[in-house]
Amino acid sequence: MTRDRITGLISIILGGMAAVYAFFLPPSGTEGDVGPALFPYIAAALLVLCGLALAVKKSGQAPPFFSALEQVRRFLFITLVYIIYGILLWAAGFLIATPLACFLLCRMMAERGPETAWWKHALFSLMVTGIVYYFFYVTLNLKLPVGRIIRFRL
């Protein structure tokens, strides 16, 4: 089984889990509000569609999934970053957890290419966090997680 098929199947499973999660979210109490389930439904649909495209695409001579120990190490690191990101979202909130996770993932993905200064990754992470914050919190007026331990907000 190729990397694309495995990734596609995982994406389909995650999309299904996101759809089930969205189904059980409570409806909004405000009339005319789309409710909290809209974004998870959109994310689930995108995950399933992309997963289907990867799973059914004709595979050529693609290498098998995890063909090298380095790929396993990177996969485990990314998984660990996302688990810690979820914990940090709960503990410290969006504005602290997102730039940290983005910075770590940028540094990890830049390992193969030419060395990029750490401050460029930090600046990029802050910009991504600011843009997402602006569009979700300011423009769409949606709530983003505020930490239960560290309560930081703008």
C-alpha atoms as a PDB file:
ATOM      1  CA  MET A   1       0.000   0.000   0.000  1.00  0.00           C
ATOM      2  CA  THR A   2       1.419   3.398  -0.961  1.00  0.00           C
ATOM      3  CA  ARG A   3       1.846   6.517   1.101  1.00  0.00           C
ATOM      4  CA  ASP A   4      -0.963   8.276  -0.782  1.00  0.00           C
ATOM      5  CA  ARG A   5      -3.477   5.502  -0.103  1.00  0.00           C
ATOM      6  CA  ILE A   6      -2.622   5.313   3.597  1.00  0.00           C
ATOM      7  CA  THR A   7      -2.816   9.110   3.904  1.00  0.00           C
ATOM      8  CA  GLY A   8      -6.135   9.120   2.029  1.00  0.00           C
ATOM      9  CA  LEU A   9      -7.640   6.447   4.279  1.00  0.00           C
ATOM     10  CA  ILE A  10      -6.470   8.256   7.412  1.00  0.00           C
ATOM     11  CA  SER A  11      -7.953  11.487   6.059  1.00  0.00           C
ATOM     12  CA  ILE A  12     -11.295   9.798   5.356  1.00  0.00           C
ATOM     13  CA  ILE A  13     -11.379   8.349   8.883  1.00  0.00           C
ATOM     14  CA  LEU A  14     -10.504  11.723  10.465  1.00  0.00           C
ATOM     15  CA  GLY A  15     -13.138  13.443   8.311  1.00  0.00           C
ATOM     16  CA  GLY A  16     -15.738  10.946   9.458  1.00  0.00           C
ATOM     17  CA  MET A  17     -14.749  11.486  13.085  1.00  0.00           C
ATOM     18  CA  ALA A  18     -14.997  15.276  12.642  1.00  0.00           C
ATOM     19  CA  ALA A  19     -18.467  14.918  11.106  1.00  0.00           C
ATOM     20  CA  VAL A  20     -19.649  12.747  14.004  1.00  0.00           C
ATOM     21  CA  TYR A  21     -18.218  15.291  16.462  1.00  0.00           C
ATOM     22  CA  ALA A  22     -19.977  18.158  14.652  1.00  0.00           C
ATOM     23  CA  PHE A  23     -23.271  16.273  14.690  1.00  0.00           C
ATOM     24  CA  PHE A  24     -23.271  16.198  18.491  1.00  0.00           C
ATOM     25  CA  LEU A  25     -22.469  19.900  18.972  1.00  0.00           C
ATOM     26  CA  PRO A  26     -25.344  21.850  20.500  1.00  0.00           C
ATOM     27  CA  PRO A  27     -27.203  24.274  18.216  1.00  0.00           C
ATOM     28  CA  SER A  28     -26.694  27.989  18.549  1.00  0.00           C
ATOM     29  CA  GLY A  29     -29.147  29.870  20.731  1.00  0.00           C
ATOM     30  CA  THR A  30     -29.090  32.922  18.469  1.00  0.00           C
ATOM     31  CA  GLU A  31     -31.563  33.103  15.621  1.00  0.00           C
ATOM     32  CA  GLY A  32     -29.889  33.260  12.221  1.00  0.00           C
ATOM     33  CA  ASP A  33     -26.554  32.020  13.600  1.00  0.00           C
ATOM     34  CA  VAL A  34     -25.069  29.083  11.693  1.00  0.00           C
ATOM     35  CA  GLY A  35     -23.954  27.505  14.939  1.00  0.00           C
ATOM     36  CA  PRO A  36     -20.738  25.896  16.076  1.00  0.00           C
ATOM     37  CA  ALA A  37     -21.086  22.838  13.816  1.00  0.00           C
ATOM     38  CA  LEU A  38     -20.553  24.638  10.497  1.00  0.00           C
ATOM     39  CA  PHE A  39     -16.750  24.792  10.567  1.00  0.00           C
ATOM     40  CA  PRO A  40     -16.295  21.154  11.672  1.00  0.00           C
ATOM     41  CA  TYR A  41     -18.671  20.053   8.887  1.00  0.00           C
ATOM     42  CA  ILE A  42     -16.663  22.021   6.309  1.00  0.00           C
ATOM     43  CA  ALA A  43     -13.390  20.606   7.644  1.00  0.00           C
ATOM     44  CA  ALA A  44     -14.840  17.077   7.620  1.00  0.00           C
ATOM     45  CA  ALA A  45     -16.043  17.420   4.039  1.00  0.00           C
ATOM     46  CA  LEU A  46     -12.650  18.702   2.901  1.00  0.00           C
ATOM     47  CA  LEU A  47     -10.845  15.887   4.711  1.00  0.00           C
ATOM     48  CA  VAL A  48     -13.081  13.251   3.159  1.00  0.00           C
ATOM     49  CA  LEU A  49     -12.859  14.731  -0.356  1.00  0.00           C
ATOM     50  CA  CYS A  50      -9.075  15.057  -0.237  1.00  0.00           C
ATOM     51  CA  GLY A  51      -8.786  11.599   1.289  1.00  0.00           C
ATOM     52  CA  LEU A  52     -10.916  10.088  -1.462  1.00  0.00           C
ATOM     53  CA  ALA A  53      -8.815  11.811  -4.112  1.00  0.00           C
ATOM     54  CA  LEU A  54      -5.639  10.394  -2.594  1.00  0.00           C
ATOM     55  CA  ALA A  55      -7.065   6.930  -1.976  1.00  0.00           C
ATOM     56  CA  VAL A  56      -8.454   6.339  -5.485  1.00  0.00           C
ATOM     57  CA  LYS A  57      -5.763   8.080  -7.528  1.00  0.00           C
ATOM     58  CA  LYS A  58      -3.791   5.808  -9.783  1.00  0.00           C
ATOM     59  CA  SER A  59      -0.524   5.010  -8.124  1.00  0.00           C
ATOM     60  CA  GLY A  60       2.621   4.718 -10.147  1.00  0.00           C
ATOM     61  CA  GLN A  61       5.854   3.628  -8.589  1.00  0.00           C
ATOM     62  CA  ALA A  62       5.284   5.405  -5.302  1.00  0.00           C
ATOM     63  CA  PRO A  63       7.434   4.279  -2.394  1.00  0.00           C
ATOM     64  CA  PRO A  64       5.734   2.324   0.387  1.00  0.00           C
ATOM     65  CA  PHE A  65       4.435   4.122   3.443  1.00  0.00           C
ATOM     66  CA  PHE A  66       7.270   4.827   5.920  1.00  0.00           C
ATOM     67  CA  SER A  67      10.056   3.627   3.653  1.00  0.00           C
ATOM     68  CA  ALA A  68      12.741   5.110   5.899  1.00  0.00           C
ATOM     69  CA  LEU A  69      13.327   5.523   9.600  1.00  0.00           C
ATOM     70  CA  GLU A  70      13.524   9.310   9.080  1.00  0.00           C
ATOM     71  CA  GLN A  71       9.890   9.324   7.882  1.00  0.00           C
ATOM     72  CA  VAL A  72       8.781   7.478  11.003  1.00  0.00           C
ATOM     73  CA  ARG A  73      10.643   9.979  13.172  1.00  0.00           C
ATOM     74  CA  ARG A  74       9.043  12.946  11.395  1.00  0.00           C
ATOM     75  CA  PHE A  75       5.574  11.378  11.611  1.00  0.00           C
ATOM     76  CA  LEU A  76       5.946  10.786  15.350  1.00  0.00           C
ATOM     77  CA  PHE A  77       7.248  14.336  15.875  1.00  0.00           C
ATOM     78  CA  ILE A  78       4.301  15.866  13.984  1.00  0.00           C
ATOM     79  CA  THR A  79       1.870  13.677  15.945  1.00  0.00           C
ATOM     80  CA  LEU A  80       3.480  14.739  19.216  1.00  0.00           C
ATOM     81  CA  VAL A  81       3.318  18.425  18.239  1.00  0.00           C
ATOM     82  CA  TYR A  82      -0.415  18.138  17.486  1.00  0.00           C
ATOM     83  CA  ILE A  83      -1.117  16.324  20.764  1.00  0.00           C
ATOM     84  CA  ILE A  84       0.773  18.988  22.698  1.00  0.00           C
ATOM     85  CA  TYR A  85      -1.019  21.668  20.646  1.00  0.00           C
ATOM     86  CA  GLY A  86      -4.385  20.266  21.736  1.00  0.00           C
ATOM     87  CA  ILE A  87      -3.295  20.278  25.369  1.00  0.00           C
ATOM     88  CA  LEU A  88      -1.916  23.817  25.068  1.00  0.00           C
ATOM     89  CA  LEU A  89      -5.145  25.029  23.446  1.00  0.00           C
ATOM     90  CA  TRP A  90      -6.960  23.867  26.559  1.00  0.00           C
ATOM     91  CA  ALA A  91      -4.360  25.152  29.022  1.00  0.00           C
ATOM     92  CA  ALA A  92      -3.027  28.359  27.443  1.00  0.00           C
ATOM     93  CA  GLY A  93      -5.431  29.189  24.603  1.00  0.00           C
ATOM     94  CA  PHE A  94      -5.170  29.917  20.905  1.00  0.00           C
ATOM     95  CA  LEU A  95      -2.864  32.937  21.063  1.00  0.00           C
ATOM     96  CA  ILE A  96      -0.110  31.035  22.874  1.00  0.00           C
ATOM     97  CA  ALA A  97      -0.505  27.504  21.488  1.00  0.00           C
ATOM     98  CA  THR A  98      -0.826  28.326  17.786  1.00  0.00           C
ATOM     99  CA  PRO A  99       2.403  30.273  17.238  1.00  0.00           C
ATOM    100  CA  LEU A 100       4.361  27.656  19.207  1.00  0.00           C
ATOM    101  CA  ALA A 101       2.969  24.748  17.195  1.00  0.00           C
ATOM    102  CA  CYS A 102       3.376  26.613  13.914  1.00  0.00           C
ATOM    103  CA  PHE A 103       6.989  27.489  14.777  1.00  0.00           C
ATOM    104  CA  LEU A 104       7.885  23.886  15.650  1.00  0.00           C
ATOM    105  CA  LEU A 105       6.290  22.525  12.484  1.00  0.00           C
ATOM    106  CA  CYS A 106       8.010  25.152  10.317  1.00  0.00           C
ATOM    107  CA  ARG A 107      11.398  24.323  11.834  1.00  0.00           C
ATOM    108  CA  MET A 108      10.822  20.612  11.372  1.00  0.00           C
ATOM    109  CA  MET A 109       9.735  20.953   7.740  1.00  0.00           C
ATOM    110  CA  ALA A 110      12.674  23.216   6.903  1.00  0.00           C
ATOM    111  CA  GLU A 111      15.243  20.604   8.014  1.00  0.00           C
ATOM    112  CA  ARG A 112      15.783  19.290   4.501  1.00  0.00           C
ATOM    113  CA  GLY A 113      16.091  22.610   2.707  1.00  0.00           C
ATOM    114  CA  PRO A 114      18.609  25.392   3.137  1.00  0.00           C
ATOM    115  CA  GLU A 115      18.929  26.624   6.688  1.00  0.00           C
ATOM    116  CA  THR A 116      16.433  29.397   7.388  1.00  0.00           C
ATOM    117  CA  ALA A 117      16.973  31.730  10.301  1.00  0.00           C
ATOM    118  CA  TRP A 118      14.837  30.858  13.326  1.00  0.00           C
ATOM    119  CA  TRP A 119      13.499  34.411  13.539  1.00  0.00           C
ATOM    120  CA  LYS A 120      11.934  34.071  10.056  1.00  0.00           C
ATOM    121  CA  HIS A 121      10.015  31.018  11.245  1.00  0.00           C
ATOM    122  CA  ALA A 122       8.980  32.880  14.405  1.00  0.00           C
ATOM    123  CA  LEU A 123       7.807  35.879  12.363  1.00  0.00           C
ATOM    124  CA  PHE A 124       5.883  33.612   9.979  1.00  0.00           C
ATOM    125  CA  SER A 125       4.236  31.815  12.917  1.00  0.00           C
ATOM    126  CA  LEU A 126       3.160  35.095  14.486  1.00  0.00           C
ATOM    127  CA  MET A 127       1.806  36.340  11.145  1.00  0.00           C
ATOM    128  CA  VAL A 128      -0.209  33.152  10.575  1.00  0.00           C
ATOM    129  CA  THR A 129      -1.604  33.344  14.096  1.00  0.00           C
ATOM    130  CA  GLY A 130      -2.491  37.016  13.640  1.00  0.00           C
ATOM    131  CA  ILE A 131      -4.230  36.426  10.312  1.00  0.00           C
ATOM    132  CA  VAL A 132      -6.244  33.482  11.619  1.00  0.00           C
ATOM    133  CA  TYR A 133      -7.117  35.437  14.774  1.00  0.00           C
ATOM    134  CA  TYR A 134      -8.216  38.455  12.749  1.00  0.00           C
ATOM    135  CA  PHE A 135     -10.437  36.502  10.352  1.00  0.00           C
ATOM    136  CA  PHE A 136     -12.030  34.225  12.917  1.00  0.00           C
ATOM    137  CA  TYR A 137     -12.282  36.472  15.969  1.00  0.00           C
ATOM    138  CA  VAL A 138     -12.645  39.936  14.456  1.00  0.00           C
ATOM    139  CA  THR A 139     -14.201  39.379  11.029  1.00  0.00           C
ATOM    140  CA  LEU A 140     -16.377  36.318  11.676  1.00  0.00           C
ATOM    141  CA  ASN A 141     -16.911  37.123  15.373  1.00  0.00           C
ATOM    142  CA  LEU A 142     -16.179  33.527  16.385  1.00  0.00           C
ATOM    143  CA  LYS A 143     -14.732  32.565  19.746  1.00  0.00           C
ATOM    144  CA  LEU A 144     -11.255  31.076  19.847  1.00  0.00           C
ATOM    145  CA  PRO A 145     -10.023  29.000  22.781  1.00  0.00           C
ATOM    146  CA  VAL A 146      -8.859  30.945  25.825  1.00  0.00           C
ATOM    147  CA  GLY A 147      -6.740  28.910  28.208  1.00  0.00           C
ATOM    148  CA  ARG A 148      -8.115  27.545  31.432  1.00  0.00           C
ATOM    149  CA  ILE A 149      -4.760  27.900  33.197  1.00  0.00           C
ATOM    150  CA  ILE A 150      -3.225  30.881  31.370  1.00  0.00           C
ATOM    151  CA  ARG A 151      -6.036  33.225  30.358  1.00  0.00           C
ATOM    152  CA  PHE A 152      -4.424  35.382  27.664  1.00  0.00           C
ATOM    153  CA  ARG A 153      -6.557  37.379  25.231  1.00  0.00           C
ATOM    154  CA  LEU A 154      -6.251  40.579  23.240  1.00  0.00           C
END
